[in-house]
Amino acid sequence: MGTSPLNPQYVKRPPEKQRQVNQESAHLALYFYESCDTCIRIIRLIERLCLRVELRNIRNVSAFRDHLLHGTGRQDVPCLIIQEQGKEPRWLCDAEEIIAYLEQRFT
């Protein structure tokens, strides 16, 4: 794994490894809104790592806001939900924890 010579910011993986990362990151969703600078920072990291994370804008879709409130008891963003099969959902609602999790798991 490395960065692309055409764009050194983006992670370049062999196709088989990228397919595996796509499958693993499909279990993630980020609750955000577009005027949140910290959210944008995390979205840029998701893009740089070439992850398939569902983006759930809580200002545009009330069901996302309700799900976040039900799951965490608050409406603070950014918040990442990890939904692995056979396990309870795990919520990360601290930006530095989200960044550390993504970088550790996907770099």
Foldseek 3Di string as FASTA:
>chain_A
DAADPVDRQAGDDPPVVLVVQAVQQCQKEWEDADVDPLSVVLVSVCVRLVYDYHYHYCVVDVVSQVVCCVVPVDRADGKMWGGDPPDDIDIDHDSVVSVVVCVVVRD
